[in-house]
């Protein structure tokens, strides 16, 4: 998934791994459309919305991260 040409690339693999720029981590889906992303630096839980080639992660009561699938 890619936010813009100058943005950090987030790569989600089917095996539960995620690469955020050059930082490796793990993700897993929770209940109520949530996703938990764990890296060596932090653990974050986001509200998840996926529609076609677009994904939105929203922090509880906070900022949104919006992505478009790279083909």
PDB file of N, CA and C in Angstrom:
ATOM      1  N   UNK A   1       0.856  -1.167   0.000  1.00  0.00           N
ATOM      2  CA  UNK A   1       0.000   0.000   0.000  1.00  0.00           C
ATOM      3  C   UNK A   1       0.906   1.235   0.000  1.00  0.00           C
ATOM      4  N   UNK A   2       0.454   2.251  -0.663  1.00  0.00           N
ATOM      5  CA  UNK A   2       1.268   3.436  -0.833  1.00  0.00           C
ATOM      6  C   UNK A   2       0.407   4.671  -0.637  1.00  0.00           C
ATOM      7  N   UNK A   3       0.874   5.610   0.199  1.00  0.00           N
ATOM      8  CA  UNK A   3       0.112   6.814   0.460  1.00  0.00           C
ATOM      9  C   UNK A   3       0.321   7.892  -0.593  1.00  0.00           C
ATOM     10  N   UNK A   4       1.566   8.200  -0.934  1.00  0.00           N
ATOM     11  CA  UNK A   4       1.894   9.158  -1.987  1.00  0.00           C
ATOM     12  C   UNK A   4       3.321   8.883  -2.430  1.00  0.00           C
ATOM     13  N   UNK A   5       3.782   9.592  -3.444  1.00  0.00           N
ATOM     14  CA  UNK A   5       5.102   9.304  -3.994  1.00  0.00           C
ATOM     15  C   UNK A   5       6.228   9.550  -2.996  1.00  0.00           C
ATOM     16  N   UNK A   6       6.045  10.431  -2.035  1.00  0.00           N
ATOM     17  CA  UNK A   6       7.088  10.704  -1.049  1.00  0.00           C
ATOM     18  C   UNK A   6       6.809  10.031   0.294  1.00  0.00           C
ATOM     19  N   UNK A   7       5.773   9.224   0.355  1.00  0.00           N
ATOM     20  CA  UNK A   7       5.365   8.602   1.613  1.00  0.00           C
ATOM     21  C   UNK A   7       6.135   7.310   1.860  1.00  0.00           C
ATOM     22  N   UNK A   8       6.105   6.851   3.096  1.00  0.00           N
ATOM     23  CA  UNK A   8       6.688   5.569   3.459  1.00  0.00           C
ATOM     24  C   UNK A   8       5.806   4.450   2.933  1.00  0.00           C
ATOM     25  N   UNK A   9       6.426   3.447   2.342  1.00  0.00           N
ATOM     26  CA  UNK A   9       5.687   2.298   1.826  1.00  0.00           C
ATOM     27  C   UNK A   9       5.427   1.322   2.966  1.00  0.00           C
ATOM     28  N   UNK A  10       4.180   0.900   3.103  1.00  0.00           N
ATOM     29  CA  UNK A  10       3.781  -0.131   4.063  1.00  0.00           C
ATOM     30  C   UNK A  10       3.459  -1.378   3.260  1.00  0.00           C
ATOM     31  N   UNK A  11       4.159  -2.475   3.514  1.00  0.00           N
ATOM     32  CA  UNK A  11       3.919  -3.728   2.800  1.00  0.00           C
ATOM     33  C   UNK A  11       3.368  -4.762   3.774  1.00  0.00           C
ATOM     34  N   UNK A  12       2.140  -5.201   3.524  1.00  0.00           N
ATOM     35  CA  UNK A  12       1.497  -6.219   4.341  1.00  0.00           C
ATOM     36  C   UNK A  12       1.578  -7.554   3.615  1.00  0.00           C
ATOM     37  N   UNK A  13       2.100  -8.587   4.271  1.00  0.00           N
ATOM     38  CA  UNK A  13       2.177  -9.926   3.687  1.00  0.00           C
ATOM     39  C   UNK A  13       1.097 -10.809   4.277  1.00  0.00           C
ATOM     40  N   UNK A  14       0.710 -11.833   3.525  1.00  0.00           N
ATOM     41  CA  UNK A  14      -0.345 -12.746   3.979  1.00  0.00           C
ATOM     42  C   UNK A  14       0.036 -13.504   5.241  1.00  0.00           C
ATOM     43  N   UNK A  15       1.331 -13.643   5.519  1.00  0.00           N
ATOM     44  CA  UNK A  15       1.772 -14.409   6.688  1.00  0.00           C
ATOM     45  C   UNK A  15       1.755 -13.603   7.988  1.00  0.00           C
ATOM     46  N   UNK A  16       1.247 -12.370   7.949  1.00  0.00           N
ATOM     47  CA  UNK A  16       1.140 -11.553   9.158  1.00  0.00           C
ATOM     48  C   UNK A  16       2.319 -10.625   9.387  1.00  0.00           C
ATOM     49  N   UNK A  17       3.251 -10.571   8.451  1.00  0.00           N
ATOM     50  CA  UNK A  17       4.368  -9.642   8.610  1.00  0.00           C
ATOM     51  C   UNK A  17       4.051  -8.331   7.888  1.00  0.00           C
ATOM     52  N   UNK A  18       4.663  -7.269   8.377  1.00  0.00           N
ATOM     53  CA  UNK A  18       4.493  -5.953   7.766  1.00  0.00           C
ATOM     54  C   UNK A  18       5.867  -5.302   7.700  1.00  0.00           C
ATOM     55  N   UNK A  19       6.114  -4.591   6.626  1.00  0.00           N
ATOM     56  CA  UNK A  19       7.339  -3.830   6.458  1.00  0.00           C
ATOM     57  C   UNK A  19       6.925  -2.374   6.269  1.00  0.00           C
ATOM     58  N   UNK A  20       7.349  -1.524   7.193  1.00  0.00           N
ATOM     59  CA  UNK A  20       7.009  -0.101   7.159  1.00  0.00           C
ATOM     60  C   UNK A  20       8.312   0.644   6.901  1.00  0.00           C
ATOM     61  N   UNK A  21       8.521   1.030   5.653  1.00  0.00           N
ATOM     62  CA  UNK A  21       9.833   1.566   5.277  1.00  0.00           C
ATOM     63  C   UNK A  21      10.841   0.443   5.392  1.00  0.00           C
ATOM     64  N   UNK A  22      11.794   0.578   6.320  1.00  0.00           N
ATOM     65  CA  UNK A  22      12.755  -0.504   6.555  1.00  0.00           C
ATOM     66  C   UNK A  22      12.557  -1.165   7.920  1.00  0.00           C
ATOM     67  N   UNK A  23      11.430  -0.906   8.568  1.00  0.00           N
ATOM     68  CA  UNK A  23      11.124  -1.478   9.886  1.00  0.00           C
ATOM     69  C   UNK A  23      10.189  -2.672   9.722  1.00  0.00           C
ATOM     70  N   UNK A  24      10.612  -3.812  10.243  1.00  0.00           N
ATOM     71  CA  UNK A  24       9.798  -5.025  10.163  1.00  0.00           C
ATOM     72  C   UNK A  24       8.936  -5.163  11.409  1.00  0.00           C
ATOM     73  N   UNK A  25       7.752  -5.721  11.202  1.00  0.00           N
ATOM     74  CA  UNK A  25       6.847  -5.944  12.320  1.00  0.00           C
ATOM     75  C   UNK A  25       5.853  -7.037  12.002  1.00  0.00           C
ATOM     76  N   UNK A  26       4.856  -7.156  12.861  1.00  0.00           N
ATOM     77  CA  UNK A  26       3.796  -8.152  12.708  1.00  0.00           C
ATOM     78  C   UNK A  26       2.461  -7.436  12.821  1.00  0.00           C
ATOM     79  N   UNK A  27       1.458  -7.998  12.171  1.00  0.00           N
ATOM     80  CA  UNK A  27       0.106  -7.466  12.323  1.00  0.00           C
ATOM     81  C   UNK A  27      -0.850  -8.620  12.519  1.00  0.00           C
ATOM     82  N   UNK A  28      -1.961  -8.312  13.161  1.00  0.00           N
ATOM     83  CA  UNK A  28      -3.046  -9.296  13.254  1.00  0.00           C
ATOM     84  C   UNK A  28      -4.358  -8.552  13.381  1.00  0.00           C
ATOM     85  N   UNK A  29      -5.375  -9.206  12.838  1.00  0.00           N
ATOM     86  CA  UNK A  29      -6.712  -8.625  12.874  1.00  0.00           C
ATOM     87  C   UNK A  29      -7.375  -8.961  14.192  1.00  0.00           C
ATOM     88  N   UNK A  30      -8.087  -7.982  14.751  1.00  0.00           N
ATOM     89  CA  UNK A  30      -8.832  -8.186  15.983  1.00  0.00           C
ATOM     90  C   UNK A  30     -10.321  -8.148  15.708  1.00  0.00           C
ATOM     91  N   UNK A  31     -11.070  -7.994  16.772  1.00  0.00           N
ATOM     92  CA  UNK A  31     -12.523  -7.907  16.619  1.00  0.00           C
ATOM     93  C   UNK A  31     -12.918  -6.471  16.283  1.00  0.00           C
ATOM     94  N   UNK A  32     -14.138  -6.293  15.885  1.00  0.00           N
ATOM     95  CA  UNK A  32     -14.723  -4.978  15.592  1.00  0.00           C
ATOM     96  C   UNK A  32     -13.886  -4.176  14.588  1.00  0.00           C
ATOM     97  N   UNK A  33     -13.421  -4.860  13.527  1.00  0.00           N
ATOM     98  CA  UNK A  33     -12.674  -4.204  12.439  1.00  0.00           C
ATOM     99  C   UNK A  33     -11.426  -3.472  12.920  1.00  0.00           C
ATOM    100  N   UNK A  34     -10.695  -4.111  13.813  1.00  0.00           N
ATOM    101  CA  UNK A  34      -9.453  -3.512  14.295  1.00  0.00           C
ATOM    102  C   UNK A  34      -8.257  -4.317  13.811  1.00  0.00           C
ATOM    103  N   UNK A  35      -7.111  -3.645  13.726  1.00  0.00           N
ATOM    104  CA  UNK A  35      -5.857  -4.285  13.368  1.00  0.00           C
ATOM    105  C   UNK A  35      -4.799  -3.831  14.370  1.00  0.00           C
ATOM    106  N   UNK A  36      -3.988  -4.781  14.823  1.00  0.00           N
ATOM    107  CA  UNK A  36      -2.906  -4.493  15.762  1.00  0.00           C
ATOM    108  C   UNK A  36      -1.594  -4.638  15.006  1.00  0.00           C
ATOM    109  N   UNK A  37      -0.762  -3.607  15.054  1.00  0.00           N
ATOM    110  CA  UNK A  37       0.527  -3.614  14.374  1.00  0.00           C
ATOM    111  C   UNK A  37       1.616  -3.470  15.430  1.00  0.00           C
ATOM    112  N   UNK A  38       2.527  -4.444  15.449  1.00  0.00           N
ATOM    113  CA  UNK A  38       3.618  -4.455  16.419  1.00  0.00           C
ATOM    114  C   UNK A  38       4.950  -4.322  15.684  1.00  0.00           C
ATOM    115  N   UNK A  39       5.752  -3.353  16.103  1.00  0.00           N
ATOM    116  CA  UNK A  39       7.111  -3.186  15.592  1.00  0.00           C
ATOM    117  C   UNK A  39       8.045  -3.173  16.800  1.00  0.00           C
ATOM    118  N   UNK A  40       9.360  -3.201  16.577  1.00  0.00           N
ATOM    119  CA  UNK A  40      10.280  -3.122  17.720  1.00  0.00           C
ATOM    120  C   UNK A  40      10.134  -1.822  18.514  1.00  0.00           C
ATOM    121  N   UNK A  41       9.530  -0.808  17.907  1.00  0.00           N
ATOM    122  CA  UNK A  41       9.446   0.508  18.540  1.00  0.00           C
ATOM    123  C   UNK A  41       8.113   0.807  19.201  1.00  0.00           C
ATOM    124  N   UNK A  42       7.039   0.169  18.729  1.00  0.00           N
ATOM    125  CA  UNK A  42       5.708   0.495  19.257  1.00  0.00           C
ATOM    126  C   UNK A  42       4.696  -0.575  18.871  1.00  0.00           C
ATOM    127  N   UNK A  43       3.611  -0.598  19.625  1.00  0.00           N
ATOM    128  CA  UNK A  43       2.445  -1.413  19.295  1.00  0.00           C
ATOM    129  C   UNK A  43       1.270  -0.460  19.153  1.00  0.00           C
ATOM    130  N   UNK A  44       0.571  -0.554  18.027  1.00  0.00           N
ATOM    131  CA  UNK A  44      -0.556   0.339  17.757  1.00  0.00           C
ATOM    132  C   UNK A  44      -1.775  -0.467  17.357  1.00  0.00           C
ATOM    133  N   UNK A  45      -2.940   0.016  17.769  1.00  0.00           N
ATOM    134  CA  UNK A  45      -4.209  -0.592  17.368  1.00  0.00           C
ATOM    135  C   UNK A  45      -4.987   0.465  16.600  1.00  0.00           C
ATOM    136  N   UNK A  46      -5.475   0.080  15.427  1.00  0.00           N
ATOM    137  CA  UNK A  46      -6.200   0.994  14.557  1.00  0.00           C
ATOM    138  C   UNK A  46      -7.565   0.429  14.222  1.00  0.00           C
ATOM    139  N   UNK A  47      -8.508   1.322  13.967  1.00  0.00           N
ATOM    140  CA  UNK A  47      -9.781   0.943  13.358  1.00  0.00           C
ATOM    141  C   UNK A  47      -9.492   0.785  11.872  1.00  0.00           C
ATOM    142  N   UNK A  48      -9.934  -0.311  11.287  1.00  0.00           N
ATOM    143  CA  UNK A  48      -9.588  -0.656   9.909  1.00  0.00           C
ATOM    144  C   UNK A  48     -10.798  -0.562   9.001  1.00  0.00           C
ATOM    145  N   UNK A  49     -10.599   0.061   7.844  1.00  0.00           N
ATOM    146  CA  UNK A  49     -11.642   0.088   6.813  1.00  0.00           C
ATOM    147  C   UNK A  49     -10.979  -0.191   5.468  1.00  0.00           C
ATOM    148  N   UNK A  50     -11.482  -1.202   4.760  1.00  0.00           N
ATOM    149  CA  UNK A  50     -10.965  -1.549   3.440  1.00  0.00           C
ATOM    150  C   UNK A  50     -12.106  -1.474   2.443  1.00  0.00           C
ATOM    151  N   UNK A  51     -11.854  -0.778   1.339  1.00  0.00           N
ATOM    152  CA  UNK A  51     -12.843  -0.650   0.273  1.00  0.00           C
ATOM    153  C   UNK A  51     -12.099  -0.687  -1.054  1.00  0.00           C
ATOM    154  N   UNK A  52     -12.299  -1.751  -1.813  1.00  0.00           N
ATOM    155  CA  UNK A  52     -11.640  -1.921  -3.106  1.00  0.00           C
ATOM    156  C   UNK A  52     -10.126  -1.843  -2.916  1.00  0.00           C
ATOM    157  N   UNK A  53      -9.457  -0.876  -3.535  1.00  0.00           N
ATOM    158  CA  UNK A  53      -8.005  -0.736  -3.429  1.00  0.00           C
ATOM    159  C   UNK A  53      -7.581   0.303  -2.396  1.00  0.00           C
ATOM    160  N   UNK A  54      -8.486   0.681  -1.509  1.00  0.00           N
ATOM    161  CA  UNK A  54      -8.193   1.705  -0.507  1.00  0.00           C
ATOM    162  C   UNK A  54      -8.299   1.118   0.897  1.00  0.00           C
ATOM    163  N   UNK A  55      -7.369   1.529   1.762  1.00  0.00           N
ATOM    164  CA  UNK A  55      -7.387   1.099   3.157  1.00  0.00           C
ATOM    165  C   UNK A  55      -7.187   2.330   4.031  1.00  0.00           C
ATOM    166  N   UNK A  56      -7.975   2.424   5.092  1.00  0.00           N
ATOM    167  CA  UNK A  56      -7.852   3.507   6.058  1.00  0.00           C
ATOM    168  C   UNK A  56      -7.624   2.908   7.432  1.00  0.00           C
ATOM    169  N   UNK A  57      -6.598   3.401   8.119  1.00  0.00           N
ATOM    170  CA  UNK A  57      -6.334   3.041   9.506  1.00  0.00           C
ATOM    171  C   UNK A  57      -6.554   4.300  10.329  1.00  0.00           C
ATOM    172  N   UNK A  58      -7.366   4.193  11.371  1.00  0.00           N
ATOM    173  CA  UNK A  58      -7.627   5.359  12.210  1.00  0.00           C
ATOM    174  C   UNK A  58      -7.308   5.027  13.650  1.00  0.00           C
ATOM    175  N   UNK A  59      -6.507   5.891  14.265  1.00  0.00           N
ATOM    176  CA  UNK A  59      -6.212   5.758  15.684  1.00  0.00           C
ATOM    177  C   UNK A  59      -7.471   6.101  16.459  1.00  0.00           C
ATOM    178  N   UNK A  60      -7.695   5.471  17.603  1.00  0.00           N
ATOM    179  CA  UNK A  60      -8.894   5.789  18.396  1.00  0.00           C
ATOM    180  C   UNK A  60      -8.957   7.287  18.701  1.00  0.00           C
ATOM    181  N   UNK A  61      -9.994   7.940  18.181  1.00  0.00           N
ATOM    182  CA  UNK A  61     -10.178   9.369  18.407  1.00  0.00           C
ATOM    183  C   UNK A  61      -9.084  10.232  17.817  1.00  0.00           C
ATOM    184  N   UNK A  62      -8.378   9.720  16.803  1.00  0.00           N
ATOM    185  CA  UNK A  62      -7.243  10.481  16.306  1.00  0.00           C
ATOM    186  C   UNK A  62      -7.073  10.470  14.806  1.00  0.00           C
ATOM    187  N   UNK A  63      -5.831  10.552  14.414  1.00  0.00           N
ATOM    188  CA  UNK A  63      -5.450  10.717  13.013  1.00  0.00           C
ATOM    189  C   UNK A  63      -5.776   9.495  12.163  1.00  0.00           C
ATOM    190  N   UNK A  64      -5.931   9.759  10.864  1.00  0.00           N
ATOM    191  CA  UNK A  64      -6.184   8.701   9.887  1.00  0.00           C
ATOM    192  C   UNK A  64      -4.956   8.525   9.002  1.00  0.00           C
ATOM    193  N   UNK A  65      -4.685   7.283   8.673  1.00  0.00           N
ATOM    194  CA  UNK A  65      -3.684   6.948   7.666  1.00  0.00           C
ATOM    195  C   UNK A  65      -4.441   6.354   6.493  1.00  0.00           C
ATOM    196  N   UNK A  66      -4.253   6.901   5.311  1.00  0.00           N
ATOM    197  CA  UNK A  66      -4.980   6.418   4.137  1.00  0.00           C
ATOM    198  C   UNK A  66      -3.994   5.865   3.123  1.00  0.00           C
ATOM    199  N   UNK A  67      -4.342   4.700   2.558  1.00  0.00           N
ATOM    200  CA  UNK A  67      -3.467   3.991   1.637  1.00  0.00           C
ATOM    201  C   UNK A  67      -4.215   3.597   0.380  1.00  0.00           C
ATOM    202  N   UNK A  68      -3.468   3.476  -0.702  1.00  0.00           N
ATOM    203  CA  UNK A  68      -3.989   2.949  -1.958  1.00  0.00           C
ATOM    204  C   UNK A  68      -3.086   1.798  -2.381  1.00  0.00           C
ATOM    205  N   UNK A  69      -3.691   0.684  -2.784  1.00  0.00           N
ATOM    206  CA  UNK A  69      -2.919  -0.490  -3.193  1.00  0.00           C
ATOM    207  C   UNK A  69      -2.079  -0.159  -4.420  1.00  0.00           C
ATOM    208  N   UNK A  70      -0.829  -0.552  -4.353  1.00  0.00           N
ATOM    209  CA  UNK A  70       0.078  -0.402  -5.480  1.00  0.00           C
ATOM    210  C   UNK A  70      -0.017  -1.636  -6.350  1.00  0.00           C
ATOM    211  N   UNK A  71      -0.130  -1.451  -7.646  1.00  0.00           N
ATOM    212  CA  UNK A  71      -0.272  -2.594  -8.557  1.00  0.00           C
ATOM    213  C   UNK A  71       0.979  -2.821  -9.353  1.00  0.00           C
TER     214      UNK A  71
END
